[in-house]
Amino acid sequence: MYREMDEDGKKAGIVGETEGARRATGVSPTGTSEPDDTPAKRPERGGAPIILPDPEVPEKPARRRFTAAYKLAILGKADACSGHGEVGALLRREGLYSSRLTAWRKQRDEGALKALSPVKRGRKPKTKNPLADEVARLERENRKLQKRLEQAEMIIDFQKKVADLLGIPLAKPPGEESE
């Protein structure tokens, strides 16, 4: 690779860097980019602007989705084909594979439009148990009552200790026997 100089001693460009075909980056084989006086860059002089397609390949192609009506229409056209090679021509024209027709026919035979409609991918939502709200309410109430019971037992224990310190005899409930 070397730099080419013109008669005035100025750099004219890099030669030998990208020899061969033109690159998508716009670098020409001589290393100089396109002059700004091309018809694509000067629409005011009568040249229509040229729109070049993006040369970059997308990272992941978009998945094609087919409606149930489209699937049925294609199946109808495929079933109507009677001549040699007509189905192949239909598939090429629509950009489909024959395996799609097979799968769509199977779906059609199993359940018409419902089976042909697209299915949402991924996890299915869990159905909520109708008693879940009631169970949650009862658990909250149970926790609340447990807390109140603990408080009541602490108060009763405190009252027993105070009565014992003061020497006040407490009457036992009728169901309790003396220990």
N, C-alpha and C. Protein backbone atom coordinates (compact mmCIF):
# COMPACT_ATOMS: atom_id res chain seq x y z
N MET A 1 0.85 -1.16 0.00
CA MET A 1 0.00 0.00 0.00
C MET A 1 0.90 1.24 0.00
N TYR A 2 0.55 2.21 -0.82
CA TYR A 2 1.35 3.42 -0.86
C TYR A 2 0.44 4.59 -1.19
N ARG A 3 0.90 5.78 -0.87
CA ARG A 3 0.12 6.98 -1.15
C ARG A 3 0.55 7.52 -2.50
N GLU A 4 -0.46 7.92 -3.26
CA GLU A 4 -0.19 8.46 -4.58
C GLU A 4 -0.21 9.98 -4.48
N MET A 5 0.73 10.65 -5.10
CA MET A 5 0.82 12.10 -5.07
C MET A 5 0.55 12.65 -6.47
N ASP A 6 -0.13 13.79 -6.52
CA ASP A 6 -0.32 14.41 -7.82
C ASP A 6 0.84 15.38 -8.07
N GLU A 7 0.77 16.16 -9.18
CA GLU A 7 1.89 17.02 -9.58
C GLU A 7 2.21 18.10 -8.56
N ASP A 8 1.22 18.57 -7.81
CA ASP A 8 1.45 19.65 -6.85
C ASP A 8 2.06 19.15 -5.54
N GLY A 9 2.20 17.86 -5.40
CA GLY A 9 2.76 17.30 -4.18
C GLY A 9 1.72 17.00 -3.13
N LYS A 10 0.44 17.13 -3.50
CA LYS A 10 -0.63 16.82 -2.55
C LYS A 10 -0.98 15.35 -2.66
N LYS A 11 -1.51 14.82 -1.55
CA LYS A 11 -1.90 13.42 -1.56
C LYS A 11 -3.13 13.24 -2.43
N ALA A 12 -3.09 12.31 -3.33
CA ALA A 12 -4.24 12.05 -4.20
C ALA A 12 -5.08 10.91 -3.68
N GLY A 13 -4.53 10.01 -2.93
CA GLY A 13 -5.29 8.88 -2.41
C GLY A 13 -4.40 7.70 -2.10
N ILE A 14 -5.00 6.68 -1.60
CA ILE A 14 -4.27 5.47 -1.26
C ILE A 14 -4.50 4.47 -2.36
N VAL A 15 -3.45 3.87 -2.85
CA VAL A 15 -3.55 2.90 -3.92
C VAL A 15 -3.19 1.54 -3.35
N GLY A 16 -3.95 0.53 -3.73
CA GLY A 16 -3.62 -0.83 -3.34
C GLY A 16 -4.29 -1.27 -2.05
N GLU A 17 -5.05 -0.40 -1.38
CA GLU A 17 -5.67 -0.78 -0.12
C GLU A 17 -6.84 -1.72 -0.34
N THR A 18 -7.71 -1.41 -1.28
CA THR A 18 -8.89 -2.24 -1.53
C THR A 18 -8.97 -2.53 -3.01
N GLU A 19 -8.15 -3.42 -3.44
CA GLU A 19 -8.17 -3.74 -4.85
C GLU A 19 -9.28 -4.74 -5.12
N GLY A 20 -9.87 -4.65 -6.26
CA GLY A 20 -10.94 -5.57 -6.62
C GLY A 20 -12.27 -4.85 -6.66
N ALA A 21 -13.30 -5.52 -6.19
CA ALA A 21 -14.66 -4.98 -6.29
C ALA A 21 -14.86 -3.83 -5.30
N ARG A 22 -15.83 -3.02 -5.58
CA ARG A 22 -16.18 -1.89 -4.73
C ARG A 22 -16.76 -2.43 -3.42
N ARG A 23 -16.38 -1.84 -2.32
CA ARG A 23 -16.83 -2.30 -1.02
C ARG A 23 -18.11 -1.58 -0.62
N ALA A 24 -18.84 -2.17 0.30
CA ALA A 24 -20.09 -1.59 0.77
C ALA A 24 -19.86 -0.30 1.55
N THR A 25 -18.66 -0.08 2.01
CA THR A 25 -18.35 1.12 2.78
C THR A 25 -18.17 2.34 1.90
N GLY A 26 -18.15 2.16 0.61
CA GLY A 26 -18.01 3.28 -0.31
C GLY A 26 -16.58 3.57 -0.71
N VAL A 27 -15.64 2.74 -0.29
CA VAL A 27 -14.25 2.95 -0.64
C VAL A 27 -14.01 2.34 -2.01
N SER A 28 -13.47 3.12 -2.91
CA SER A 28 -13.20 2.61 -4.25
C SER A 28 -11.89 1.84 -4.25
N PRO A 29 -11.62 1.04 -5.27
CA PRO A 29 -10.36 0.30 -5.32
C PRO A 29 -9.14 1.19 -5.28
N THR A 30 -9.24 2.44 -5.71
CA THR A 30 -8.08 3.33 -5.67
C THR A 30 -7.95 4.00 -4.32
N GLY A 31 -8.93 3.83 -3.44
CA GLY A 31 -8.84 4.42 -2.12
C GLY A 31 -9.53 5.75 -2.04
N THR A 32 -9.93 6.34 -3.13
CA THR A 32 -10.63 7.62 -3.07
C THR A 32 -12.11 7.35 -3.08
N SER A 33 -12.82 8.17 -2.40
CA SER A 33 -14.27 8.00 -2.40
C SER A 33 -14.84 8.68 -3.63
N GLU A 34 -16.14 8.48 -3.84
CA GLU A 34 -16.76 9.03 -5.05
C GLU A 34 -16.68 10.55 -5.03
N PRO A 35 -16.52 11.17 -6.18
CA PRO A 35 -16.53 12.63 -6.20
C PRO A 35 -17.93 13.15 -5.89
N ASP A 36 -17.98 14.35 -5.34
CA ASP A 36 -19.27 14.93 -4.97
C ASP A 36 -20.07 15.41 -6.16
N ASP A 37 -19.55 15.24 -7.37
CA ASP A 37 -20.23 15.76 -8.55
C ASP A 37 -20.92 14.63 -9.32
N THR A 38 -21.35 13.58 -8.63
CA THR A 38 -22.06 12.49 -9.29
C THR A 38 -23.53 12.85 -9.40
N PRO A 39 -24.26 12.23 -10.32
CA PRO A 39 -25.68 12.54 -10.44
C PRO A 39 -26.44 12.25 -9.16
N ALA A 40 -25.97 11.31 -8.35
CA ALA A 40 -26.67 11.01 -7.10
C ALA A 40 -26.52 12.15 -6.11
N LYS A 41 -25.44 12.92 -6.22
CA LYS A 41 -25.18 14.00 -5.27
C LYS A 41 -25.62 15.35 -5.80
N ARG A 42 -26.03 15.44 -7.06
CA ARG A 42 -26.41 16.74 -7.62
C ARG A 42 -27.76 16.65 -8.34
N PRO A 43 -28.84 16.53 -7.58
CA PRO A 43 -30.15 16.46 -8.21
C PRO A 43 -30.55 17.77 -8.89
N GLU A 44 -29.94 18.91 -8.47
CA GLU A 44 -30.32 20.19 -9.09
C GLU A 44 -29.84 20.28 -10.53
N ARG A 45 -28.91 19.45 -10.96
CA ARG A 45 -28.43 19.48 -12.33
C ARG A 45 -29.17 18.49 -13.23
N GLY A 46 -30.26 17.98 -12.75
CA GLY A 46 -31.05 17.10 -13.60
C GLY A 46 -30.93 15.63 -13.25
N GLY A 47 -29.99 15.28 -12.41
CA GLY A 47 -29.83 13.87 -12.02
C GLY A 47 -30.78 13.54 -10.88
N ALA A 48 -31.56 12.49 -11.02
CA ALA A 48 -32.48 12.09 -9.96
C ALA A 48 -31.67 11.45 -8.83
N PRO A 49 -32.05 11.71 -7.58
CA PRO A 49 -31.31 11.09 -6.47
C PRO A 49 -31.47 9.57 -6.51
N ILE A 50 -30.36 8.89 -6.31
CA ILE A 50 -30.37 7.43 -6.35
C ILE A 50 -30.42 6.92 -4.91
N ILE A 51 -31.35 6.07 -4.63
CA ILE A 51 -31.47 5.48 -3.30
C ILE A 51 -30.91 4.07 -3.38
N LEU A 52 -29.82 3.86 -2.68
CA LEU A 52 -29.18 2.55 -2.69
C LEU A 52 -29.72 1.71 -1.54
N PRO A 53 -29.91 0.42 -1.76
CA PRO A 53 -30.38 -0.43 -0.66
C PRO A 53 -29.30 -0.59 0.40
N ASP A 54 -29.73 -0.82 1.63
CA ASP A 54 -28.78 -1.01 2.72
C ASP A 54 -28.09 -2.35 2.55
N PRO A 55 -26.75 -2.37 2.47
CA PRO A 55 -26.04 -3.64 2.23
C PRO A 55 -25.92 -4.50 3.49
N GLU A 56 -26.25 -3.94 4.64
CA GLU A 56 -26.10 -4.70 5.88
C GLU A 56 -27.17 -5.79 5.97
N VAL A 57 -26.76 -6.94 6.43
CA VAL A 57 -27.68 -8.05 6.63
C VAL A 57 -28.24 -7.92 8.04
N PRO A 58 -29.57 -7.99 8.20
CA PRO A 58 -30.12 -7.86 9.55
C PRO A 58 -29.63 -8.99 10.44
N GLU A 59 -29.52 -8.69 11.72
CA GLU A 59 -28.99 -9.67 12.66
C GLU A 59 -29.86 -10.92 12.70
N LYS A 60 -31.18 -10.74 12.79
CA LYS A 60 -32.09 -11.87 12.80
C LYS A 60 -33.26 -11.52 11.91
N PRO A 61 -33.54 -12.32 10.89
CA PRO A 61 -34.64 -11.96 10.00
C PRO A 61 -35.98 -12.01 10.71
N ALA A 62 -36.89 -11.19 10.24
CA ALA A 62 -38.23 -11.16 10.84
C ALA A 62 -39.00 -12.40 10.42
N ARG A 63 -39.68 -12.99 11.34
CA ARG A 63 -40.46 -14.20 11.07
C ARG A 63 -41.75 -13.82 10.35
N ARG A 64 -42.05 -14.55 9.30
CA ARG A 64 -43.28 -14.28 8.55
C ARG A 64 -44.46 -14.87 9.30
N ARG A 65 -45.57 -14.13 9.29
CA ARG A 65 -46.79 -14.61 9.94
C ARG A 65 -47.89 -14.63 8.90
N PHE A 66 -48.64 -15.69 8.90
CA PHE A 66 -49.69 -15.86 7.90
C PHE A 66 -51.04 -15.89 8.60
N THR A 67 -51.99 -15.16 8.05
CA THR A 67 -53.34 -15.17 8.61
C THR A 67 -54.05 -16.43 8.16
N ALA A 68 -55.13 -16.75 8.86
CA ALA A 68 -55.92 -17.94 8.52
C ALA A 68 -56.53 -17.78 7.13
N ALA A 69 -56.96 -16.56 6.79
CA ALA A 69 -57.55 -16.33 5.47
C ALA A 69 -56.52 -16.56 4.36
N TYR A 70 -55.28 -16.08 4.58
CA TYR A 70 -54.23 -16.27 3.59
C TYR A 70 -53.93 -17.75 3.40
N LYS A 71 -53.85 -18.48 4.53
CA LYS A 71 -53.56 -19.91 4.45
C LYS A 71 -54.64 -20.64 3.66
N LEU A 72 -55.89 -20.31 3.95
CA LEU A 72 -56.98 -20.96 3.22
C LEU A 72 -56.98 -20.60 1.74
N ALA A 73 -56.64 -19.34 1.43
CA ALA A 73 -56.58 -18.92 0.03
C ALA A 73 -55.49 -19.69 -0.72
N ILE A 74 -54.31 -19.82 -0.10
CA ILE A 74 -53.21 -20.55 -0.74
C ILE A 74 -53.58 -22.02 -0.89
N LEU A 75 -54.20 -22.61 0.13
CA LEU A 75 -54.61 -24.02 0.02
C LEU A 75 -55.64 -24.20 -1.08
N GLY A 76 -56.54 -23.23 -1.23
CA GLY A 76 -57.52 -23.29 -2.31
C GLY A 76 -56.86 -23.22 -3.67
N LYS A 77 -55.89 -22.30 -3.81
CA LYS A 77 -55.18 -22.18 -5.09
C LYS A 77 -54.37 -23.44 -5.38
N ALA A 78 -53.73 -24.00 -4.34
CA ALA A 78 -52.92 -25.20 -4.54
C ALA A 78 -53.81 -26.38 -4.91
N ASP A 79 -54.98 -26.49 -4.29
CA ASP A 79 -55.89 -27.59 -4.62
C ASP A 79 -56.47 -27.44 -6.02
N ALA A 80 -56.56 -26.18 -6.51
CA ALA A 80 -57.11 -25.94 -7.84
C ALA A 80 -56.09 -26.21 -8.95
N CYS A 81 -54.81 -26.29 -8.59
CA CYS A 81 -53.77 -26.55 -9.59
C CYS A 81 -53.93 -27.98 -10.11
N SER A 82 -53.99 -28.10 -11.45
CA SER A 82 -54.16 -29.43 -12.03
C SER A 82 -53.01 -29.81 -12.96
N GLY A 83 -52.35 -28.83 -13.53
CA GLY A 83 -51.28 -29.11 -14.48
C GLY A 83 -49.95 -29.43 -13.80
N HIS A 84 -49.06 -29.97 -14.60
CA HIS A 84 -47.73 -30.35 -14.12
C HIS A 84 -46.93 -29.09 -13.78
N GLY A 85 -46.44 -28.97 -12.55
CA GLY A 85 -45.59 -27.85 -12.14
C GLY A 85 -46.33 -26.62 -11.68
N GLU A 86 -47.66 -26.65 -11.69
CA GLU A 86 -48.41 -25.46 -11.28
C GLU A 86 -48.27 -25.20 -9.78
N VAL A 87 -48.25 -26.25 -8.97
CA VAL A 87 -48.10 -26.06 -7.53
C VAL A 87 -46.73 -25.48 -7.22
N GLY A 88 -45.71 -25.98 -7.90
CA GLY A 88 -44.35 -25.46 -7.71
C GLY A 88 -44.26 -23.99 -8.08
N ALA A 89 -44.93 -23.62 -9.18
CA ALA A 89 -44.92 -22.21 -9.59
C ALA A 89 -45.63 -21.34 -8.55
N LEU A 90 -46.74 -21.85 -8.03
CA LEU A 90 -47.46 -21.11 -6.99
C LEU A 90 -46.57 -20.92 -5.76
N LEU A 91 -45.90 -21.98 -5.35
CA LEU A 91 -45.04 -21.89 -4.17
C LEU A 91 -43.89 -20.92 -4.40
N ARG A 92 -43.29 -20.94 -5.58
CA ARG A 92 -42.19 -19.99 -5.87
C ARG A 92 -42.71 -18.57 -5.88
N ARG A 93 -43.87 -18.37 -6.46
CA ARG A 93 -44.45 -17.02 -6.55
C ARG A 93 -44.75 -16.48 -5.14
N GLU A 94 -45.22 -17.32 -4.25
CA GLU A 94 -45.57 -16.88 -2.91
C GLU A 94 -44.40 -16.96 -1.93
N GLY A 95 -43.30 -17.60 -2.35
CA GLY A 95 -42.14 -17.72 -1.48
C GLY A 95 -42.37 -18.71 -0.35
N LEU A 96 -43.00 -19.83 -0.64
CA LEU A 96 -43.34 -20.84 0.36
C LEU A 96 -42.66 -22.16 0.05
N TYR A 97 -42.62 -23.02 1.04
CA TYR A 97 -42.12 -24.38 0.87
C TYR A 97 -43.31 -25.34 0.87
N SER A 98 -43.10 -26.49 0.26
CA SER A 98 -44.19 -27.47 0.19
C SER A 98 -44.54 -28.01 1.57
N SER A 99 -43.60 -27.99 2.48
CA SER A 99 -43.89 -28.46 3.84
C SER A 99 -44.94 -27.58 4.52
N ARG A 100 -44.97 -26.30 4.16
CA ARG A 100 -46.00 -25.40 4.71
C ARG A 100 -47.38 -25.87 4.27
N LEU A 101 -47.50 -26.24 2.98
CA LEU A 101 -48.80 -26.71 2.49
C LEU A 101 -49.23 -27.96 3.25
N THR A 102 -48.30 -28.86 3.48
CA THR A 102 -48.62 -30.09 4.20
C THR A 102 -49.11 -29.78 5.61
N ALA A 103 -48.40 -28.91 6.30
CA ALA A 103 -48.79 -28.55 7.66
C ALA A 103 -50.13 -27.84 7.68
N TRP A 104 -50.34 -26.92 6.74
CA TRP A 104 -51.61 -26.19 6.69
C TRP A 104 -52.77 -27.11 6.36
N ARG A 105 -52.55 -28.11 5.49
CA ARG A 105 -53.63 -29.06 5.18
C ARG A 105 -53.99 -29.87 6.41
N LYS A 106 -52.97 -30.28 7.16
CA LYS A 106 -53.23 -31.04 8.39
C LYS A 106 -54.01 -30.18 9.38
N GLN A 107 -53.62 -28.92 9.52
CA GLN A 107 -54.33 -28.02 10.42
C GLN A 107 -55.77 -27.80 9.96
N ARG A 108 -55.94 -27.66 8.66
CA ARG A 108 -57.28 -27.45 8.12
C ARG A 108 -58.16 -28.65 8.40
N ASP A 109 -57.62 -29.86 8.24
CA ASP A 109 -58.41 -31.06 8.48
C ASP A 109 -58.75 -31.23 9.96
N GLU A 110 -57.87 -30.75 10.85
CA GLU A 110 -58.12 -30.90 12.28
C GLU A 110 -59.13 -29.90 12.81
N GLY A 111 -59.19 -28.70 12.25
CA GLY A 111 -60.12 -27.76 12.86
C GLY A 111 -60.33 -26.46 12.12
N ALA A 112 -60.31 -26.45 10.82
CA ALA A 112 -60.61 -25.28 9.97
C ALA A 112 -59.88 -24.02 10.43
N LEU A 113 -60.59 -22.90 10.56
CA LEU A 113 -59.94 -21.61 10.80
C LEU A 113 -59.28 -21.53 12.17
N LYS A 114 -59.86 -22.17 13.16
CA LYS A 114 -59.29 -22.08 14.50
C LYS A 114 -57.88 -22.67 14.53
N ALA A 115 -57.69 -23.80 13.88
CA ALA A 115 -56.36 -24.42 13.86
C ALA A 115 -55.40 -23.64 12.98
N LEU A 116 -55.90 -22.89 12.01
CA LEU A 116 -55.02 -22.15 11.12
C LEU A 116 -54.59 -20.81 11.70
N SER A 117 -55.31 -20.29 12.69
CA SER A 117 -54.94 -19.00 13.24
C SER A 117 -53.63 -19.14 14.01
N PRO A 118 -52.81 -18.09 14.02
CA PRO A 118 -51.50 -18.19 14.65
C PRO A 118 -51.63 -18.42 16.16
N VAL A 119 -50.70 -19.20 16.69
CA VAL A 119 -50.70 -19.52 18.11
C VAL A 119 -49.65 -18.66 18.78
N LYS A 120 -50.02 -18.06 19.91
CA LYS A 120 -49.07 -17.24 20.64
C LYS A 120 -48.01 -18.14 21.25
N ARG A 121 -46.75 -17.78 21.04
CA ARG A 121 -45.65 -18.59 21.54
C ARG A 121 -45.34 -18.22 22.98
N GLY A 122 -44.65 -19.13 23.65
CA GLY A 122 -44.22 -18.86 25.02
C GLY A 122 -45.09 -19.56 26.04
N ARG A 123 -44.85 -19.20 27.30
CA ARG A 123 -45.60 -19.81 28.38
C ARG A 123 -47.06 -19.39 28.34
N LYS A 124 -47.90 -20.31 28.68
CA LYS A 124 -49.34 -20.02 28.75
C LYS A 124 -49.63 -19.41 30.12
N PRO A 125 -50.55 -18.46 30.17
CA PRO A 125 -50.86 -17.85 31.47
C PRO A 125 -51.56 -18.86 32.38
N LYS A 126 -51.19 -18.81 33.66
CA LYS A 126 -51.80 -19.72 34.62
C LYS A 126 -53.20 -19.23 34.96
N THR A 127 -54.13 -20.18 35.04
CA THR A 127 -55.49 -19.81 35.43
C THR A 127 -55.53 -19.66 36.94
N LYS A 128 -56.17 -18.61 37.42
CA LYS A 128 -56.22 -18.32 38.83
C LYS A 128 -57.28 -19.19 39.49
N ASN A 129 -56.93 -19.78 40.62
CA ASN A 129 -57.86 -20.59 41.38
C ASN A 129 -58.94 -19.68 41.95
N PRO A 130 -60.23 -20.01 41.77
CA PRO A 130 -61.29 -19.12 42.26
C PRO A 130 -61.30 -19.01 43.78
N LEU A 131 -60.74 -19.99 44.48
CA LEU A 131 -60.73 -19.95 45.94
C LEU A 131 -59.47 -19.27 46.50
N ALA A 132 -58.56 -18.85 45.64
CA ALA A 132 -57.29 -18.26 46.10
C ALA A 132 -57.53 -17.00 46.91
N ASP A 133 -58.47 -16.15 46.51
CA ASP A 133 -58.76 -14.92 47.26
C ASP A 133 -59.30 -15.25 48.65
N GLU A 134 -60.18 -16.22 48.72
CA GLU A 134 -60.76 -16.62 50.00
C GLU A 134 -59.68 -17.21 50.91
N VAL A 135 -58.79 -18.03 50.37
CA VAL A 135 -57.70 -18.61 51.15
C VAL A 135 -56.78 -17.51 51.68
N ALA A 136 -56.45 -16.55 50.85
CA ALA A 136 -55.57 -15.46 51.27
C ALA A 136 -56.23 -14.65 52.39
N ARG A 137 -57.53 -14.38 52.28
CA ARG A 137 -58.26 -13.63 53.31
C ARG A 137 -58.25 -14.40 54.63
N LEU A 138 -58.50 -15.71 54.56
CA LEU A 138 -58.53 -16.52 55.78
C LEU A 138 -57.14 -16.61 56.43
N GLU A 139 -56.09 -16.68 55.61
CA GLU A 139 -54.74 -16.71 56.17
C GLU A 139 -54.40 -15.41 56.88
N ARG A 140 -54.82 -14.26 56.29
CA ARG A 140 -54.59 -12.97 56.94
C ARG A 140 -55.33 -12.91 58.28
N GLU A 141 -56.57 -13.36 58.27
CA GLU A 141 -57.37 -13.35 59.50
C GLU A 141 -56.75 -14.28 60.55
N ASN A 142 -56.24 -15.43 60.13
CA ASN A 142 -55.61 -16.37 61.05
C ASN A 142 -54.38 -15.75 61.70
N ARG A 143 -53.53 -15.07 60.90
CA ARG A 143 -52.34 -14.41 61.45
C ARG A 143 -52.73 -13.34 62.48
N LYS A 144 -53.77 -12.58 62.17
CA LYS A 144 -54.24 -11.52 63.06
C LYS A 144 -54.73 -12.11 64.39
N LEU A 145 -55.50 -13.20 64.32
CA LEU A 145 -56.01 -13.83 65.53
C LEU A 145 -54.89 -14.48 66.35
N GLN A 146 -53.88 -15.03 65.68
CA GLN A 146 -52.74 -15.60 66.39
C GLN A 146 -52.02 -14.52 67.20
N LYS A 147 -51.86 -13.34 66.59
CA LYS A 147 -51.20 -12.23 67.27
C LYS A 147 -52.00 -11.79 68.49
N ARG A 148 -53.32 -11.70 68.36
CA ARG A 148 -54.18 -11.31 69.49
C ARG A 148 -54.13 -12.36 70.60
N LEU A 149 -54.07 -13.65 70.22
CA LEU A 149 -53.99 -14.71 71.21
C LEU A 149 -52.69 -14.62 72.00
N GLU A 150 -51.57 -14.36 71.32
CA GLU A 150 -50.29 -14.21 72.02
C GLU A 150 -50.34 -13.05 73.01
N GLN A 151 -50.95 -11.94 72.60
CA GLN A 151 -51.07 -10.79 73.52
C GLN A 151 -51.92 -11.15 74.74
N ALA A 152 -53.02 -11.82 74.52
CA ALA A 152 -53.91 -12.20 75.62
C ALA A 152 -53.19 -13.14 76.59
N GLU A 153 -52.42 -14.10 76.07
CA GLU A 153 -51.68 -15.02 76.93
C GLU A 153 -50.62 -14.28 77.74
N MET A 154 -49.95 -13.29 77.13
CA MET A 154 -48.96 -12.50 77.87
C MET A 154 -49.63 -11.72 79.00
N ILE A 155 -50.79 -11.14 78.73
CA ILE A 155 -51.51 -10.38 79.76
C ILE A 155 -51.93 -11.29 80.91
N ILE A 156 -52.43 -12.46 80.58
CA ILE A 156 -52.86 -13.42 81.61
C ILE A 156 -51.67 -13.87 82.45
N ASP A 157 -50.53 -14.17 81.81
CA ASP A 157 -49.33 -14.56 82.55
C ASP A 157 -48.88 -13.44 83.48
N PHE A 158 -48.94 -12.19 82.99
CA PHE A 158 -48.55 -11.04 83.81
C PHE A 158 -49.48 -10.91 85.02
N GLN A 159 -50.79 -11.07 84.80
CA GLN A 159 -51.76 -10.99 85.90
C GLN A 159 -51.51 -12.08 86.94
N LYS A 160 -51.15 -13.28 86.50
CA LYS A 160 -50.86 -14.38 87.43
C LYS A 160 -49.63 -14.04 88.27
N LYS A 161 -48.58 -13.47 87.66
CA LYS A 161 -47.37 -13.13 88.38
C LYS A 161 -47.63 -12.02 89.39
N VAL A 162 -48.42 -11.02 89.01
CA VAL A 162 -48.75 -9.91 89.93
C VAL A 162 -49.56 -10.46 91.11
N ALA A 163 -50.52 -11.31 90.83
CA ALA A 163 -51.35 -11.89 91.89
C ALA A 163 -50.49 -12.73 92.83
N ASP A 164 -49.54 -13.47 92.30
CA ASP A 164 -48.67 -14.29 93.11
C ASP A 164 -47.78 -13.41 93.99
N LEU A 165 -47.26 -12.28 93.45
CA LEU A 165 -46.42 -11.37 94.22
C LEU A 165 -47.20 -10.70 95.35
N LEU A 166 -48.46 -10.35 95.07
CA LEU A 166 -49.28 -9.68 96.07
C LEU A 166 -49.93 -10.67 97.03
N GLY A 167 -49.86 -11.94 96.74
CA GLY A 167 -50.44 -12.96 97.59
C GLY A 167 -51.95 -13.10 97.45
N ILE A 168 -52.47 -12.68 96.33
CA ILE A 168 -53.90 -12.80 96.07
C ILE A 168 -54.14 -14.16 95.43
N PRO A 169 -54.96 -15.00 96.06
CA PRO A 169 -55.24 -16.30 95.45
C PRO A 169 -56.20 -16.13 94.27
N LEU A 170 -55.88 -16.77 93.19
CA LEU A 170 -56.74 -16.71 91.99
C LEU A 170 -57.62 -17.95 91.96
N ALA A 171 -58.86 -17.76 91.65
CA ALA A 171 -59.79 -18.88 91.54
C ALA A 171 -59.53 -19.59 90.22
N LYS A 172 -59.45 -20.89 90.28
CA LYS A 172 -59.21 -21.68 89.07
C LYS A 172 -60.51 -21.78 88.27
N PRO A 173 -60.41 -21.79 86.95
CA PRO A 173 -61.61 -22.00 86.17
C PRO A 173 -62.20 -23.37 86.46
N PRO A 174 -63.51 -23.56 86.28
CA PRO A 174 -64.13 -24.81 86.66
C PRO A 174 -63.58 -26.02 85.89
N GLY A 175 -63.05 -25.89 84.71
CA GLY A 175 -62.58 -27.03 83.94
C GLY A 175 -61.16 -27.43 84.29
N GLU A 176 -60.40 -26.57 84.99
CA GLU A 176 -59.01 -26.87 85.31
C GLU A 176 -58.90 -27.54 86.67
N GLU A 177 -58.07 -28.55 86.79
CA GLU A 177 -57.81 -29.21 88.08
C GLU A 177 -56.51 -28.67 88.63
N SER A 178 -56.31 -28.79 89.91
CA SER A 178 -55.07 -28.31 90.52
C SER A 178 -53.92 -29.25 90.18
N GLU A 179 -52.78 -28.68 90.00
CA GLU A 179 -51.64 -29.46 89.56
C GLU A 179 -50.82 -29.97 90.69
